[in-house]
C-alpha cells in the first residue's frame, strides 16, 4: 500500500488525512479536522496528527499541503489568517523527506480529474473540451482562483496554476454593486474581489445595502454572521438577506465568467469552497449563470462551458493527495 499524507490548510479550519494511492483515485484512510489557529504552526499540527493516528512516518511515501495563500520557495503566509506554512518545517516535524506545498486552489484543481459524478452539481452541462483548460473558483473565508492545464511536455498530465485573483480589484456591473464598491472604497481605499465574494463579503454587501437592518435579527459582529445571512436568505426569512445574497450570487457568477475568459476554460468551470453547496438553491435560480454568460462578444463560448459546483467538502484534501500520486 502506498500512503500519502495530505493537508488542506484554510483560514478557519485545516483538514489532515492519509490516503492510499495504489489505485486510480486516492482512497482516504484517516481524517481529522482542526481549528487553524489552535496550533502555533502547521508543522506542530501535522506532528500531532501523525502521533494521534499512530502513523509510522516510514510508511508515508510523500506529503502535500494546500495552503490558503501565495506559495514561494516552499513557504506560504495565509492571506486571511496570521499563520505561516513551511514545507521544510513540516518535513522535519513528521519525519517525511518529500513534502510539497501548494496554494489551496492549486490543490483543489488537482481533485477535478478524479471527482465522481455524485460529487458535483451541474449548473450548466455545456460541451467540455477534454483538452481544454479548467478554471476553479472557491469562495469561503476569502476567494481563491486557479486553472488546470494539460501539459504536452509531461504526456498530457494535468498541471495546476495558482492565482491570487481574489485580491484583484472588484469590477462592479450594476448600480447596486457600485454602491457596494463605493462603501468598501470609502472604508478601505479600494475594494478587492474577495471583499465582496466571500463569507465576510456577503456581510459587507448586507451592511452596504441595509446598514445592518435585518428582519432575522442577525448580529453582524458574530463570526458566523455570513452563514446566518445565507441561511436566512435561502429560507426567505428576511428580504434584506435575500437581496444581499442575490447581489452576492450575481457578483460570484460574473467573476466566474471573468476567470473562464482569462483562462479560456473550455474544459469547464468548477465552483468549490464551503459557501456554494450551502447556497445551492440560490445558485440555481439563473442569476449566477446569467452573470456568468453576460460577456459579449463571448456569450456563446461561455454558454458552451460546463459549470459545476463541487459538493465534496474534502475536495481540497483529495486534490493534495492526488498531486502526490501524479508526481
Protein backbone atom coordinates (compact mmCIF):
# COMPACT_ATOMS: atom_id res chain seq x y z
CA UNK A 1 0.00 0.00 0.00
CA UNK A 2 1.31 3.44 -0.98
CA UNK A 3 0.35 6.02 1.65
CA UNK A 4 0.44 9.81 1.33
CA UNK A 5 -0.34 12.46 3.89
CA UNK A 6 -2.43 15.39 2.66
CA UNK A 7 -3.41 18.70 4.21
CA UNK A 8 -5.94 21.39 3.33
CA UNK A 9 -4.94 24.48 5.33
CA UNK A 10 -7.69 27.09 5.36
CA UNK A 11 -8.09 30.43 7.05
CA UNK A 12 -10.55 28.94 9.54
CA UNK A 13 -10.12 25.15 9.60
CA UNK A 14 -7.48 22.68 8.47
CA UNK A 15 -8.10 19.09 7.37
CA UNK A 16 -5.35 16.48 7.54
CA UNK A 17 -5.68 12.97 6.17
CA UNK A 18 -3.85 9.93 4.93
CA UNK A 19 -4.64 8.28 1.61
CA UNK A 20 -3.85 5.06 -0.19
CA UNK A 21 -3.00 5.93 -3.80
CA UNK A 22 -2.47 2.43 -5.14
CA UNK A 23 -5.49 2.81 -7.49
CA UNK A 24 -6.70 5.44 -9.94
CA UNK A 25 -8.11 7.67 -7.19
CA UNK A 26 -6.61 8.23 -3.72
CA UNK A 27 -8.69 6.47 -1.07
CA UNK A 28 -8.92 8.16 2.33
CA UNK A 29 -7.70 6.15 5.31
CA UNK A 30 -7.82 8.69 8.15
CA UNK A 31 -9.10 12.23 8.60
CA UNK A 32 -9.01 14.88 11.30
CA UNK A 33 -10.19 18.50 11.26
CA UNK A 34 -8.54 21.20 13.36
CA UNK A 35 -9.08 24.90 14.01
CA UNK A 36 -6.20 26.53 12.13
CA UNK A 37 -5.36 28.97 14.92
CA UNK A 38 -5.38 26.34 17.68
CA UNK A 39 -1.74 25.43 16.94
CA UNK A 40 1.41 27.56 16.92
CA UNK A 41 2.11 26.25 13.42
CA UNK A 42 1.02 23.69 10.85
CA UNK A 43 4.17 21.63 11.48
CA UNK A 44 3.09 21.06 15.08
CA UNK A 45 -0.44 20.25 13.92
CA UNK A 46 0.88 17.69 11.43
CA UNK A 47 3.08 16.09 14.06
CA UNK A 48 0.08 15.87 16.40
CA UNK A 49 -1.97 14.20 13.65
CA UNK A 50 0.75 11.62 12.94
CA UNK A 51 1.08 10.88 16.65
CA UNK A 52 -2.64 10.66 17.37
CA UNK A 53 -3.30 8.44 14.35
CA UNK A 54 -0.29 6.28 15.30
CA UNK A 55 1.20 6.56 11.84
CA UNK A 56 4.68 5.23 11.18
CA UNK A 57 6.48 8.01 9.24
CA UNK A 58 8.33 5.34 7.28
CA UNK A 59 5.00 4.24 5.80
CA UNK A 60 4.39 7.69 4.26
CA UNK A 61 5.77 7.92 0.72
CA UNK A 62 5.18 11.67 0.41
CA UNK A 63 3.03 14.53 1.67
CA UNK A 64 1.32 17.53 0.12
CA UNK A 65 -0.35 20.51 1.77
CA UNK A 66 -2.59 23.10 0.15
CA UNK A 67 -2.45 26.48 1.90
CA UNK A 68 -4.76 29.49 1.51
CA UNK A 69 -2.08 31.95 0.46
CA UNK A 70 0.67 32.51 -2.12
CA UNK A 71 3.50 29.96 -2.03
CA UNK A 72 7.13 30.93 -2.53
CA UNK A 73 10.14 28.64 -2.01
CA UNK A 74 8.09 26.13 -0.06
CA UNK A 75 6.61 28.71 2.32
CA UNK A 76 3.13 30.25 2.45
CA UNK A 77 1.69 33.01 4.62
CA UNK A 78 -2.06 32.57 4.84
CA UNK A 79 -3.81 35.59 3.34
CA UNK A 80 -6.58 35.98 5.92
CA UNK A 81 -5.06 34.31 8.99
CA UNK A 82 -1.69 35.05 10.68
CA UNK A 83 -0.37 31.52 10.11
CA UNK A 84 2.78 30.53 8.22
CA UNK A 85 3.13 27.17 6.46
CA UNK A 86 6.66 25.89 5.80
CA UNK A 87 7.18 22.62 3.90
CA UNK A 88 10.67 22.10 5.35
CA UNK A 89 9.40 22.55 8.92
CA UNK A 90 6.59 20.06 8.29
CA UNK A 91 9.06 17.56 6.82
CA UNK A 92 11.23 17.75 9.94
CA UNK A 93 8.25 17.56 12.28
CA UNK A 94 6.73 14.41 10.76
CA UNK A 95 9.91 12.71 9.57
CA UNK A 96 8.96 12.62 5.87
CA UNK A 97 11.51 13.87 3.34
CA UNK A 98 9.20 14.60 0.41
CA UNK A 99 6.73 17.34 1.41
CA UNK A 100 5.16 19.58 -1.25
CA UNK A 101 3.35 22.85 -0.61
CA UNK A 102 0.70 24.19 -2.99
CA UNK A 103 -1.72 27.06 -2.96
CA UNK A 104 -5.07 25.70 -1.73
CA UNK A 105 -6.78 26.32 -5.10
CA UNK A 106 -3.96 24.52 -6.89
CA UNK A 107 -4.65 21.55 -4.63
CA UNK A 108 -8.39 21.82 -5.26
CA UNK A 109 -7.77 21.88 -9.02
CA UNK A 110 -5.93 18.56 -8.78
CA UNK A 111 -9.12 17.00 -7.39
CA UNK A 112 -11.12 17.80 -10.54
CA UNK A 113 -9.82 14.88 -12.67
CA UNK A 114 -10.84 12.32 -10.00
CA UNK A 115 -14.19 13.74 -8.83
CA UNK A 116 -17.11 11.33 -9.15
CA UNK A 117 -20.35 12.38 -10.82
CA UNK A 118 -22.20 12.43 -7.49
CA UNK A 119 -19.60 14.83 -6.06
CA UNK A 120 -20.64 17.69 -8.34
CA UNK A 121 -23.89 19.51 -9.10
CA UNK A 122 -24.23 20.58 -12.73
CA UNK A 123 -25.34 24.19 -13.19
CA UNK A 124 -24.66 24.17 -16.93
CA UNK A 125 -23.96 20.98 -18.86
CA UNK A 126 -22.18 22.65 -21.79
CA UNK A 127 -19.79 20.73 -24.00
CA UNK A 128 -16.42 20.14 -22.36
CA UNK A 129 -13.27 20.13 -24.46
CA UNK A 130 -11.23 17.24 -22.98
CA UNK A 131 -8.03 19.06 -23.91
CA UNK A 132 -9.26 22.46 -22.70
CA UNK A 133 -8.24 24.32 -19.57
CA UNK A 134 -10.33 24.02 -16.40
CA UNK A 135 -10.97 27.00 -14.12
CA UNK A 136 -11.57 26.61 -10.39
CA UNK A 137 -13.04 29.34 -8.18
CA UNK A 138 -13.90 28.99 -4.50
CA UNK A 139 -15.43 31.45 -2.03
CA UNK A 140 -15.01 30.80 1.67
CA UNK A 141 -13.07 32.84 4.21
CA UNK A 142 -11.58 34.50 1.12
CA UNK A 143 -11.79 33.92 -2.63
CA UNK A 144 -9.42 31.57 -4.42
CA UNK A 145 -8.88 31.07 -8.14
CA UNK A 146 -6.77 28.64 -10.16
CA UNK A 147 -6.55 26.91 -13.52
CA UNK A 148 -5.75 23.37 -14.60
CA UNK A 149 -4.00 22.73 -17.91
CA UNK A 150 -2.75 19.63 -19.69
CA UNK A 151 0.99 19.81 -20.29
CA UNK A 152 2.05 18.14 -23.54
CA UNK A 153 5.66 18.08 -22.31
CA UNK A 154 4.51 15.78 -19.48
CA UNK A 155 2.46 13.47 -21.66
CA UNK A 156 -0.75 15.42 -21.14
CA UNK A 157 -0.54 15.31 -17.34
CA UNK A 158 -2.75 17.94 -15.68
CA UNK A 159 -0.82 20.83 -14.15
CA UNK A 160 -2.46 23.41 -11.89
CA UNK A 161 -1.51 27.08 -11.81
CA UNK A 162 -2.28 29.22 -8.78
CA UNK A 163 -3.67 32.74 -8.77
CA UNK A 164 -4.24 35.49 -6.25
CA UNK A 165 -7.15 36.84 -8.29
CA UNK A 166 -9.24 37.16 -5.14
CA UNK A 167 -7.17 40.19 -4.18
CA UNK A 168 -7.62 41.86 -7.57
CA UNK A 169 -9.93 44.88 -7.88
CA UNK A 170 -13.67 44.25 -7.73
CA UNK A 171 -15.40 45.16 -11.02
CA UNK A 172 -18.90 46.46 -10.28
CA UNK A 173 -21.50 45.93 -13.04
CA UNK A 174 -24.75 47.34 -11.65
CA UNK A 175 -25.91 50.36 -9.65
CA UNK A 176 -26.27 48.18 -6.57
CA UNK A 177 -22.77 46.75 -6.99
CA UNK A 178 -21.45 50.30 -7.48
CA UNK A 179 -22.95 51.20 -4.08
CA UNK A 180 -21.13 48.23 -2.52
CA UNK A 181 -17.93 49.28 -4.31
CA UNK A 182 -18.19 52.85 -3.03
CA UNK A 183 -18.86 51.71 0.52
CA UNK A 184 -15.81 49.43 0.54
CA UNK A 185 -13.63 52.04 -1.15
CA UNK A 186 -14.58 54.65 1.46
CA UNK A 187 -13.74 52.17 4.22
CA UNK A 188 -10.56 50.59 2.83
CA UNK A 189 -9.28 52.76 -0.01
CA UNK A 190 -10.06 50.05 -2.57
CA UNK A 191 -12.35 47.05 -2.96
CA UNK A 192 -10.85 43.63 -3.59
CA UNK A 193 -12.93 40.91 -5.24
CA UNK A 194 -12.89 38.77 -2.11
CA UNK A 195 -14.25 41.66 -0.02
CA UNK A 196 -17.46 41.05 -1.97
CA UNK A 197 -17.28 37.37 -2.94
CA UNK A 198 -16.54 35.51 0.29
CA UNK A 199 -18.22 34.88 3.63
CA UNK A 200 -17.13 38.27 5.00
CA UNK A 201 -18.02 39.72 1.60
CA UNK A 202 -21.66 38.65 1.98
CA UNK A 203 -21.77 40.51 5.30
CA UNK A 204 -20.13 43.53 3.59
CA UNK A 205 -22.87 43.54 0.94
CA UNK A 206 -25.60 43.40 3.59
CA UNK A 207 -24.06 46.29 5.54
CA UNK A 208 -23.59 48.39 2.41
CA UNK A 209 -27.19 47.93 1.25
CA UNK A 210 -29.06 47.90 4.53
CA UNK A 211 -26.81 49.32 7.26
CA UNK A 212 -27.23 46.07 9.19
CA UNK A 213 -31.05 46.24 9.24
CA UNK A 214 -32.19 42.65 9.32
CA UNK A 215 -35.60 41.05 9.89
CA UNK A 216 -33.82 37.89 11.04
CA UNK A 217 -32.11 39.90 13.85
CA UNK A 218 -28.61 38.76 12.89
CA UNK A 219 -25.72 40.04 14.99
CA UNK A 220 -23.21 41.18 12.37
CA UNK A 221 -20.34 41.07 14.87
CA UNK A 222 -20.64 37.29 15.14
CA UNK A 223 -18.12 35.26 13.10
CA UNK A 224 -20.94 33.10 11.75
CA UNK A 225 -22.96 36.12 10.52
CA UNK A 226 -22.36 35.25 6.82
CA UNK A 227 -23.73 31.75 7.30
CA UNK A 228 -26.73 33.17 9.16
CA UNK A 229 -27.38 35.64 6.33
CA UNK A 230 -27.27 32.92 3.67
CA UNK A 231 -29.47 30.59 5.74
CA UNK A 232 -32.00 33.37 6.32
CA UNK A 233 -31.97 34.26 2.62
CA UNK A 234 -32.44 30.70 1.36
CA UNK A 235 -35.32 30.25 3.83
CA UNK A 236 -36.85 33.61 2.81
CA UNK A 237 -36.85 34.89 6.41
CA UNK A 238 -35.53 38.38 5.65
CA UNK A 239 -35.93 40.44 2.47
CA UNK A 240 -32.67 42.26 3.19
CA UNK A 241 -30.78 38.94 3.44
CA UNK A 242 -32.43 37.79 0.21
CA UNK A 243 -31.26 40.92 -1.61
CA UNK A 244 -27.74 40.63 -0.19
CA UNK A 245 -27.49 37.00 -1.34
CA UNK A 246 -28.87 37.91 -4.78
CA UNK A 247 -26.14 40.53 -5.20
CA UNK A 248 -23.54 38.04 -3.95
CA UNK A 249 -24.68 35.36 -6.42
CA UNK A 250 -24.62 37.80 -9.35
CA UNK A 251 -21.13 39.02 -8.46
CA UNK A 252 -19.94 35.42 -7.99
CA UNK A 253 -21.28 34.42 -11.41
CA UNK A 254 -19.69 37.45 -13.06
CA UNK A 255 -16.29 36.72 -11.52
CA UNK A 256 -16.54 33.04 -12.51
CA UNK A 257 -17.18 34.22 -16.07
CA UNK A 258 -14.20 36.58 -15.86
CA UNK A 259 -11.98 33.68 -14.78
CA UNK A 260 -13.36 31.49 -17.58
CA UNK A 261 -12.39 34.19 -20.10
CA UNK A 262 -8.94 34.75 -18.61
CA UNK A 263 -8.11 31.05 -18.74
CA UNK A 264 -10.21 30.13 -21.83
CA UNK A 265 -11.73 27.39 -19.67
CA UNK A 266 -13.32 25.28 -22.39
CA UNK A 267 -12.73 22.23 -20.19
CA UNK A 268 -15.17 23.56 -17.60
CA UNK A 269 -15.54 25.78 -14.56
CA UNK A 270 -15.72 24.26 -11.08
CA UNK A 271 -17.06 26.17 -8.09
CA UNK A 272 -15.55 24.99 -4.82
CA UNK A 273 -15.36 26.28 -1.27
CA UNK A 274 -17.72 25.93 1.64
CA UNK A 275 -20.29 28.52 0.58
CA UNK A 276 -21.51 27.18 -2.78
CA UNK A 277 -23.09 23.92 -1.53
CA UNK A 278 -24.91 25.80 1.25
CA UNK A 279 -26.47 28.29 -1.16
CA UNK A 280 -27.16 25.84 -3.98
CA UNK A 281 -30.85 26.90 -4.27
CA UNK A 282 -29.70 30.48 -4.90
CA UNK A 283 -27.12 29.37 -7.46
CA UNK A 284 -29.77 27.53 -9.47
CA UNK A 285 -32.20 30.45 -9.92
CA UNK A 286 -30.44 31.63 -13.08
CA UNK A 287 -28.80 34.75 -11.60
CA UNK A 288 -25.38 33.10 -11.39
CA UNK A 289 -25.40 31.78 -14.96
CA UNK A 290 -26.89 34.97 -16.38
CA UNK A 291 -23.99 36.97 -14.94
CA UNK A 292 -21.52 34.23 -15.96
CA UNK A 293 -22.61 34.39 -19.62
CA UNK A 294 -23.01 38.18 -19.98
CA UNK A 295 -19.63 38.75 -21.65
CA UNK A 296 -20.37 39.93 -25.18
CA UNK A 297 -18.97 39.01 -27.69
CA UNK A 298 -18.13 35.71 -25.95
CA UNK A 299 -21.62 34.82 -24.72
CA UNK A 300 -21.82 31.77 -27.00
CA UNK A 301 -18.44 30.47 -25.82
CA UNK A 302 -19.43 30.85 -22.16
CA UNK A 303 -22.80 29.22 -22.86
CA UNK A 304 -20.90 26.12 -24.03
CA UNK A 305 -18.62 25.85 -20.98
CA UNK A 306 -19.71 23.28 -18.36
CA UNK A 307 -20.23 24.83 -14.93
CA UNK A 308 -20.24 22.57 -11.87
CA UNK A 309 -20.50 23.04 -8.11
CA UNK A 310 -18.16 20.78 -6.11
CA UNK A 311 -20.18 19.08 -3.37
CA UNK A 312 -17.35 17.08 -1.79
CA UNK A 313 -16.22 19.21 1.17
CA UNK A 314 -12.95 17.26 1.28
CA UNK A 315 -12.06 18.01 -2.34
CA UNK A 316 -9.07 20.17 -1.41
CA UNK A 317 -7.63 17.32 0.64
CA UNK A 318 -8.35 14.85 -2.16
CA UNK A 319 -6.57 17.13 -4.63
CA UNK A 320 -3.49 17.41 -2.43
CA UNK A 321 -3.37 13.60 -2.22
CA UNK A 322 -3.87 13.28 -5.97
CA UNK A 323 -0.96 15.65 -6.59
CA UNK A 324 1.27 13.16 -4.78
CA UNK A 325 0.04 10.35 -7.00
CA UNK A 326 0.77 12.37 -10.16
CA UNK A 327 4.34 13.33 -9.23
